[in-house]
Amino acid sequence: MTAVTAAERLGDDGDDAALTWYGMLHLHAALSAASLDIGDSDSHLAEAVPPLVVRDRIRGGWSSPPQNVDIWRIGVAVENGEPERAPEYARQVDRSRIRTANRRSRMHIDTGRGWYAAGDQDRAILSWLEADEASPAWLRSRPSVRELVGQMIRDSRRRGSDELRDLATRVGVDPLDPDHDQT
């Protein structure tokens, strides 16, 4: 994996900029390992925490590192084929320590993907609506969410709940004709 190779070249003992990159590369490696089923994503998540904690202490980083890693853990669970764990991991995140709207939105997007994959569409919709409230652009730029919402509209025979129709409109899916892209 490219991220692992780059992280190994950087090492975990550089300046705070290098440590930030090292941690972020391991987060990307964790997601790639889960998506491609080619490695131990948990070890990459664990490897990401210490350097990001150092950066946060030195520079006051954008997101509190443990919460940032926990947010990535939610997406990794979905990609690992353990979507039912995503909402469980989301409940463990200290939301008061999430410093950016995009991180909050990402957490809700991945939690919604977990709920959807675990078969709870109502909770998926609510998670995505929370993501939209946190950062509309972050949610609305996600093709995966648009595809899932379109599928939910098709599955509901173009009826569905008011919340589903509202979400569909927000992400650019026509609630009456989900196969017609509004974007």
C-alpha atoms as a PDB file:
ATOM      1  CA  MET A   1       0.000   0.000   0.000  1.00  0.00           C
ATOM      2  CA  THR A   2       1.296   3.427  -0.887  1.00  0.00           C
ATOM      3  CA  ALA A   3       0.184   4.988   2.418  1.00  0.00           C
ATOM      4  CA  VAL A   4       2.096   2.394   4.444  1.00  0.00           C
ATOM      5  CA  THR A   5       5.239   2.838   2.357  1.00  0.00           C
ATOM      6  CA  ALA A   6       5.052   6.613   2.763  1.00  0.00           C
ATOM      7  CA  ALA A   7       4.467   6.313   6.519  1.00  0.00           C
ATOM      8  CA  GLU A   8       7.446   3.972   6.861  1.00  0.00           C
ATOM      9  CA  ARG A   9       9.648   6.437   5.002  1.00  0.00           C
ATOM     10  CA  LEU A  10       8.535   9.289   7.261  1.00  0.00           C
ATOM     11  CA  GLY A  11       8.886   7.333  10.475  1.00  0.00           C
ATOM     12  CA  ASP A  12       7.267   8.209  13.769  1.00  0.00           C
ATOM     13  CA  ASP A  13       9.972  10.405  15.261  1.00  0.00           C
ATOM     14  CA  GLY A  14      10.029  13.512  13.066  1.00  0.00           C
ATOM     15  CA  ASP A  15       8.831  17.044  13.672  1.00  0.00           C
ATOM     16  CA  ASP A  16       5.149  17.726  14.279  1.00  0.00           C
ATOM     17  CA  ALA A  17       4.394  18.129  10.557  1.00  0.00           C
ATOM     18  CA  ALA A  18       5.976  14.754   9.799  1.00  0.00           C
ATOM     19  CA  LEU A  19       4.137  13.162  12.719  1.00  0.00           C
ATOM     20  CA  THR A  20       0.841  14.548  11.440  1.00  0.00           C
ATOM     21  CA  TRP A  21       1.483  13.042   8.019  1.00  0.00           C
ATOM     22  CA  TYR A  22       2.567   9.768   9.588  1.00  0.00           C
ATOM     23  CA  GLY A  23      -0.680   9.547  11.569  1.00  0.00           C
ATOM     24  CA  MET A  24      -2.874  10.561   8.636  1.00  0.00           C
ATOM     25  CA  LEU A  25      -1.160   8.046   6.344  1.00  0.00           C
ATOM     26  CA  HIS A  26      -1.951   5.304   8.834  1.00  0.00           C
ATOM     27  CA  LEU A  27      -5.603   6.416   8.914  1.00  0.00           C
ATOM     28  CA  HIS A  28      -5.715   6.142   5.129  1.00  0.00           C
ATOM     29  CA  ALA A  29      -3.950   2.778   5.304  1.00  0.00           C
ATOM     30  CA  ALA A  30      -6.575   1.556   7.795  1.00  0.00           C
ATOM     31  CA  LEU A  31      -9.418   2.529   5.475  1.00  0.00           C
ATOM     32  CA  SER A  32      -7.660   0.995   2.463  1.00  0.00           C
ATOM     33  CA  ALA A  33      -6.931  -2.229   4.347  1.00  0.00           C
ATOM     34  CA  ALA A  34     -10.583  -2.482   5.322  1.00  0.00           C
ATOM     35  CA  SER A  35     -11.902  -1.602   1.858  1.00  0.00           C
ATOM     36  CA  LEU A  36      -9.598  -3.968   0.012  1.00  0.00           C
ATOM     37  CA  ASP A  37      -9.458  -6.647   2.722  1.00  0.00           C
ATOM     38  CA  ILE A  38      -5.666  -6.657   2.561  1.00  0.00           C
ATOM     39  CA  GLY A  39      -4.407  -6.078   6.046  1.00  0.00           C
ATOM     40  CA  ASP A  40      -4.970  -5.294   9.665  1.00  0.00           C
ATOM     41  CA  SER A  41      -6.858  -2.007   9.781  1.00  0.00           C
ATOM     42  CA  ASP A  42      -6.888  -1.998  13.601  1.00  0.00           C
ATOM     43  CA  SER A  43      -3.083  -1.865  13.775  1.00  0.00           C
ATOM     44  CA  HIS A  44      -3.063   1.153  11.451  1.00  0.00           C
ATOM     45  CA  LEU A  45      -5.690   2.900  13.583  1.00  0.00           C
ATOM     46  CA  ALA A  46      -3.613   2.229  16.690  1.00  0.00           C
ATOM     47  CA  GLU A  47      -0.453   3.462  14.974  1.00  0.00           C
ATOM     48  CA  ALA A  48      -2.167   6.748  14.040  1.00  0.00           C
ATOM     49  CA  VAL A  49      -3.001   7.850  17.587  1.00  0.00           C
ATOM     50  CA  PRO A  50       0.393   8.670  19.214  1.00  0.00           C
ATOM     51  CA  PRO A  51       1.791  10.977  16.500  1.00  0.00           C
ATOM     52  CA  LEU A  52      -1.499  12.813  16.181  1.00  0.00           C
ATOM     53  CA  VAL A  53      -1.659  13.293  19.957  1.00  0.00           C
ATOM     54  CA  VAL A  54       1.805  14.847  19.878  1.00  0.00           C
ATOM     55  CA  ARG A  55       0.763  17.225  17.115  1.00  0.00           C
ATOM     56  CA  ASP A  56      -2.390  18.185  18.966  1.00  0.00           C
ATOM     57  CA  ARG A  57      -0.453  18.937  22.141  1.00  0.00           C
ATOM     58  CA  ILE A  58       2.225  20.960  20.325  1.00  0.00           C
ATOM     59  CA  ARG A  59       0.125  22.861  17.812  1.00  0.00           C
ATOM     60  CA  GLY A  60      -3.494  22.578  18.918  1.00  0.00           C
ATOM     61  CA  GLY A  61      -4.533  20.555  15.873  1.00  0.00           C
ATOM     62  CA  TRP A  62      -7.891  20.814  14.174  1.00  0.00           C
ATOM     63  CA  SER A  63      -9.440  17.722  15.721  1.00  0.00           C
ATOM     64  CA  SER A  64      -8.668  16.047  18.961  1.00  0.00           C
ATOM     65  CA  PRO A  65      -6.660  13.010  17.795  1.00  0.00           C
ATOM     66  CA  PRO A  66      -8.465  10.241  19.671  1.00  0.00           C
ATOM     67  CA  GLN A  67     -11.805  11.530  18.374  1.00  0.00           C
ATOM     68  CA  ASN A  68     -10.420  11.844  14.852  1.00  0.00           C
ATOM     69  CA  VAL A  69      -9.197   8.242  14.939  1.00  0.00           C
ATOM     70  CA  ASP A  70     -12.562   7.161  16.391  1.00  0.00           C
ATOM     71  CA  ILE A  71     -14.346   8.881  13.493  1.00  0.00           C
ATOM     72  CA  TRP A  72     -12.163   7.002  11.009  1.00  0.00           C
ATOM     73  CA  ARG A  73     -12.890   3.782  12.947  1.00  0.00           C
ATOM     74  CA  ILE A  74     -16.591   4.192  12.057  1.00  0.00           C
ATOM     75  CA  GLY A  75     -15.832   4.213   8.325  1.00  0.00           C
ATOM     76  CA  VAL A  76     -13.382   1.330   8.709  1.00  0.00           C
ATOM     77  CA  ALA A  77     -16.107  -0.760  10.378  1.00  0.00           C
ATOM     78  CA  VAL A  78     -18.422  -0.188   7.414  1.00  0.00           C
ATOM     79  CA  GLU A  79     -15.673  -1.127   4.962  1.00  0.00           C
ATOM     80  CA  ASN A  80     -14.608  -4.146   7.058  1.00  0.00           C
ATOM     81  CA  GLY A  81     -18.045  -5.693   6.629  1.00  0.00           C
ATOM     82  CA  GLU A  82     -19.008  -4.879  10.215  1.00  0.00           C
ATOM     83  CA  PRO A  83     -21.573  -2.125   9.608  1.00  0.00           C
ATOM     84  CA  GLU A  84     -23.454  -2.862  12.817  1.00  0.00           C
ATOM     85  CA  ARG A  85     -20.348  -1.712  14.715  1.00  0.00           C
ATOM     86  CA  ALA A  86     -20.345   1.732  13.090  1.00  0.00           C
ATOM     87  CA  PRO A  87     -23.210   3.122  15.238  1.00  0.00           C
ATOM     88  CA  GLU A  88     -21.622   1.525  18.308  1.00  0.00           C
ATOM     89  CA  TYR A  89     -18.336   3.301  17.568  1.00  0.00           C
ATOM     90  CA  ALA A  90     -20.187   6.551  16.874  1.00  0.00           C
ATOM     91  CA  ARG A  91     -21.753   6.439  20.333  1.00  0.00           C
ATOM     92  CA  GLN A  92     -18.253   6.304  21.829  1.00  0.00           C
ATOM     93  CA  VAL A  93     -17.080   9.514  20.148  1.00  0.00           C
ATOM     94  CA  ASP A  94     -16.872  12.546  22.429  1.00  0.00           C
ATOM     95  CA  ARG A  95     -18.723  14.967  20.166  1.00  0.00           C
ATOM     96  CA  SER A  96     -17.718  17.971  22.269  1.00  0.00           C
ATOM     97  CA  ARG A  97     -14.109  17.393  21.135  1.00  0.00           C
ATOM     98  CA  ILE A  98     -14.850  17.358  17.409  1.00  0.00           C
ATOM     99  CA  ARG A  99     -13.641  20.747  16.268  1.00  0.00           C
ATOM    100  CA  THR A 100     -14.795  20.905  12.642  1.00  0.00           C
ATOM    101  CA  ALA A 101     -18.133  20.607  10.906  1.00  0.00           C
ATOM    102  CA  ASN A 102     -16.625  18.357   8.237  1.00  0.00           C
ATOM    103  CA  ARG A 103     -15.486  15.844  10.861  1.00  0.00           C
ATOM    104  CA  ARG A 104     -18.954  15.829  12.457  1.00  0.00           C
ATOM    105  CA  SER A 105     -20.499  15.370   9.041  1.00  0.00           C
ATOM    106  CA  ARG A 106     -18.109  12.544   8.167  1.00  0.00           C
ATOM    107  CA  MET A 107     -18.979  10.793  11.425  1.00  0.00           C
ATOM    108  CA  HIS A 108     -22.710  10.992  10.657  1.00  0.00           C
ATOM    109  CA  ILE A 109     -22.223   9.947   7.018  1.00  0.00           C
ATOM    110  CA  ASP A 110     -20.313   6.808   7.974  1.00  0.00           C
ATOM    111  CA  THR A 111     -22.719   6.082  10.821  1.00  0.00           C
ATOM    112  CA  GLY A 112     -25.588   6.358   8.342  1.00  0.00           C
ATOM    113  CA  ARG A 113     -23.796   3.992   5.971  1.00  0.00           C
ATOM    114  CA  GLY A 114     -23.452   1.577   8.890  1.00  0.00           C
ATOM    115  CA  TRP A 115     -27.134   1.818   9.786  1.00  0.00           C
ATOM    116  CA  TYR A 116     -28.103   1.321   6.138  1.00  0.00           C
ATOM    117  CA  ALA A 117     -25.860  -1.723   5.682  1.00  0.00           C
ATOM    118  CA  ALA A 118     -27.155  -3.166   8.963  1.00  0.00           C
ATOM    119  CA  GLY A 119     -30.730  -2.818   7.678  1.00  0.00           C
ATOM    120  CA  ASP A 120     -31.991   0.209   9.626  1.00  0.00           C
ATOM    121  CA  GLN A 121     -32.908   2.742   6.950  1.00  0.00           C
ATOM    122  CA  ASP A 122     -34.755   5.072   9.318  1.00  0.00           C
ATOM    123  CA  ARG A 123     -31.657   5.577  11.456  1.00  0.00           C
ATOM    124  CA  ALA A 124     -29.526   5.928   8.329  1.00  0.00           C
ATOM    125  CA  ILE A 125     -31.764   8.763   7.145  1.00  0.00           C
ATOM    126  CA  LEU A 126     -31.562  10.502  10.522  1.00  0.00           C
ATOM    127  CA  SER A 127     -27.759  10.188  10.541  1.00  0.00           C
ATOM    128  CA  TRP A 128     -27.498  11.678   7.061  1.00  0.00           C
ATOM    129  CA  LEU A 129     -29.827  14.531   7.992  1.00  0.00           C
ATOM    130  CA  GLU A 130     -27.504  15.227  10.960  1.00  0.00           C
ATOM    131  CA  ALA A 131     -24.549  15.157   8.554  1.00  0.00           C
ATOM    132  CA  ASP A 132     -26.354  17.668   6.360  1.00  0.00           C
ATOM    133  CA  GLU A 133     -26.939  19.966   9.319  1.00  0.00           C
ATOM    134  CA  ALA A 134     -23.252  19.784  10.288  1.00  0.00           C
ATOM    135  CA  SER A 135     -21.899  20.423   6.777  1.00  0.00           C
ATOM    136  CA  PRO A 136     -24.295  20.368   3.808  1.00  0.00           C
ATOM    137  CA  ALA A 137     -21.498  20.496   1.227  1.00  0.00           C
ATOM    138  CA  TRP A 138     -19.693  17.556   2.818  1.00  0.00           C
ATOM    139  CA  LEU A 139     -22.783  15.325   2.666  1.00  0.00           C
ATOM    140  CA  ARG A 140     -24.069  16.486  -0.692  1.00  0.00           C
ATOM    141  CA  SER A 141     -20.731  15.858  -2.409  1.00  0.00           C
ATOM    142  CA  ARG A 142     -20.775  12.154  -1.504  1.00  0.00           C
ATOM    143  CA  PRO A 143     -21.839   9.968  -4.443  1.00  0.00           C
ATOM    144  CA  SER A 144     -22.124   6.950  -2.133  1.00  0.00           C
ATOM    145  CA  VAL A 145     -24.826   8.683  -0.086  1.00  0.00           C
ATOM    146  CA  ARG A 146     -26.649   9.792  -3.228  1.00  0.00           C
ATOM    147  CA  GLU A 147     -26.599   6.206  -4.538  1.00  0.00           C
ATOM    148  CA  LEU A 148     -27.899   4.762  -1.260  1.00  0.00           C
ATOM    149  CA  VAL A 149     -30.651   7.374  -0.989  1.00  0.00           C
ATOM    150  CA  GLY A 150     -31.670   6.672  -4.583  1.00  0.00           C
ATOM    151  CA  GLN A 151     -31.843   2.964  -3.777  1.00  0.00           C
ATOM    152  CA  MET A 152     -33.959   3.665  -0.699  1.00  0.00           C
ATOM    153  CA  ILE A 153     -36.368   5.721  -2.834  1.00  0.00           C
ATOM    154  CA  ARG A 154     -36.576   2.896  -5.404  1.00  0.00           C
ATOM    155  CA  ASP A 155     -37.106   0.337  -2.629  1.00  0.00           C
ATOM    156  CA  SER A 156     -39.889   2.419  -1.092  1.00  0.00           C
ATOM    157  CA  ARG A 157     -41.688   2.461  -4.451  1.00  0.00           C
ATOM    158  CA  ARG A 158     -41.244   6.226  -4.616  1.00  0.00           C
ATOM    159  CA  ARG A 159     -43.239   6.812  -1.474  1.00  0.00           C
ATOM    160  CA  GLY A 160     -41.181   6.621   1.679  1.00  0.00           C
ATOM    161  CA  SER A 161     -41.163   8.933   4.645  1.00  0.00           C
ATOM    162  CA  ASP A 162     -41.127  12.701   4.612  1.00  0.00           C
ATOM    163  CA  GLU A 163     -37.568  12.528   5.964  1.00  0.00           C
ATOM    164  CA  LEU A 164     -36.456  10.288   3.092  1.00  0.00           C
ATOM    165  CA  ARG A 165     -38.011  12.594   0.502  1.00  0.00           C
ATOM    166  CA  ASP A 166     -36.384  15.600   2.192  1.00  0.00           C
ATOM    167  CA  LEU A 167     -32.992  13.884   2.269  1.00  0.00           C
ATOM    168  CA  ALA A 168     -33.358  12.815  -1.369  1.00  0.00           C
ATOM    169  CA  THR A 169     -34.012  16.394  -2.423  1.00  0.00           C
ATOM    170  CA  ARG A 170     -31.043  17.652  -0.386  1.00  0.00           C
ATOM    171  CA  VAL A 171     -28.572  15.215  -1.978  1.00  0.00           C
ATOM    172  CA  GLY A 172     -29.892  15.707  -5.507  1.00  0.00           C
ATOM    173  CA  VAL A 173     -32.088  12.629  -5.941  1.00  0.00           C
ATOM    174  CA  ASP A 174     -35.538  13.178  -7.413  1.00  0.00           C
ATOM    175  CA  PRO A 175     -37.896  11.518  -4.898  1.00  0.00           C
ATOM    176  CA  LEU A 176     -40.356  10.750  -7.710  1.00  0.00           C
ATOM    177  CA  ASP A 177     -37.783   9.592 -10.259  1.00  0.00           C
ATOM    178  CA  PRO A 178     -34.602   8.457  -8.465  1.00  0.00           C
ATOM    179  CA  ASP A 179     -33.030   7.254 -11.708  1.00  0.00           C
ATOM    180  CA  HIS A 180     -32.987  10.833 -12.998  1.00  0.00           C
ATOM    181  CA  ASP A 181     -29.926  12.629 -11.592  1.00  0.00           C
ATOM    182  CA  GLN A 182     -30.716  16.169 -10.422  1.00  0.00           C
ATOM    183  CA  THR A 183     -27.072  17.196  -9.999  1.00  0.00           C
END
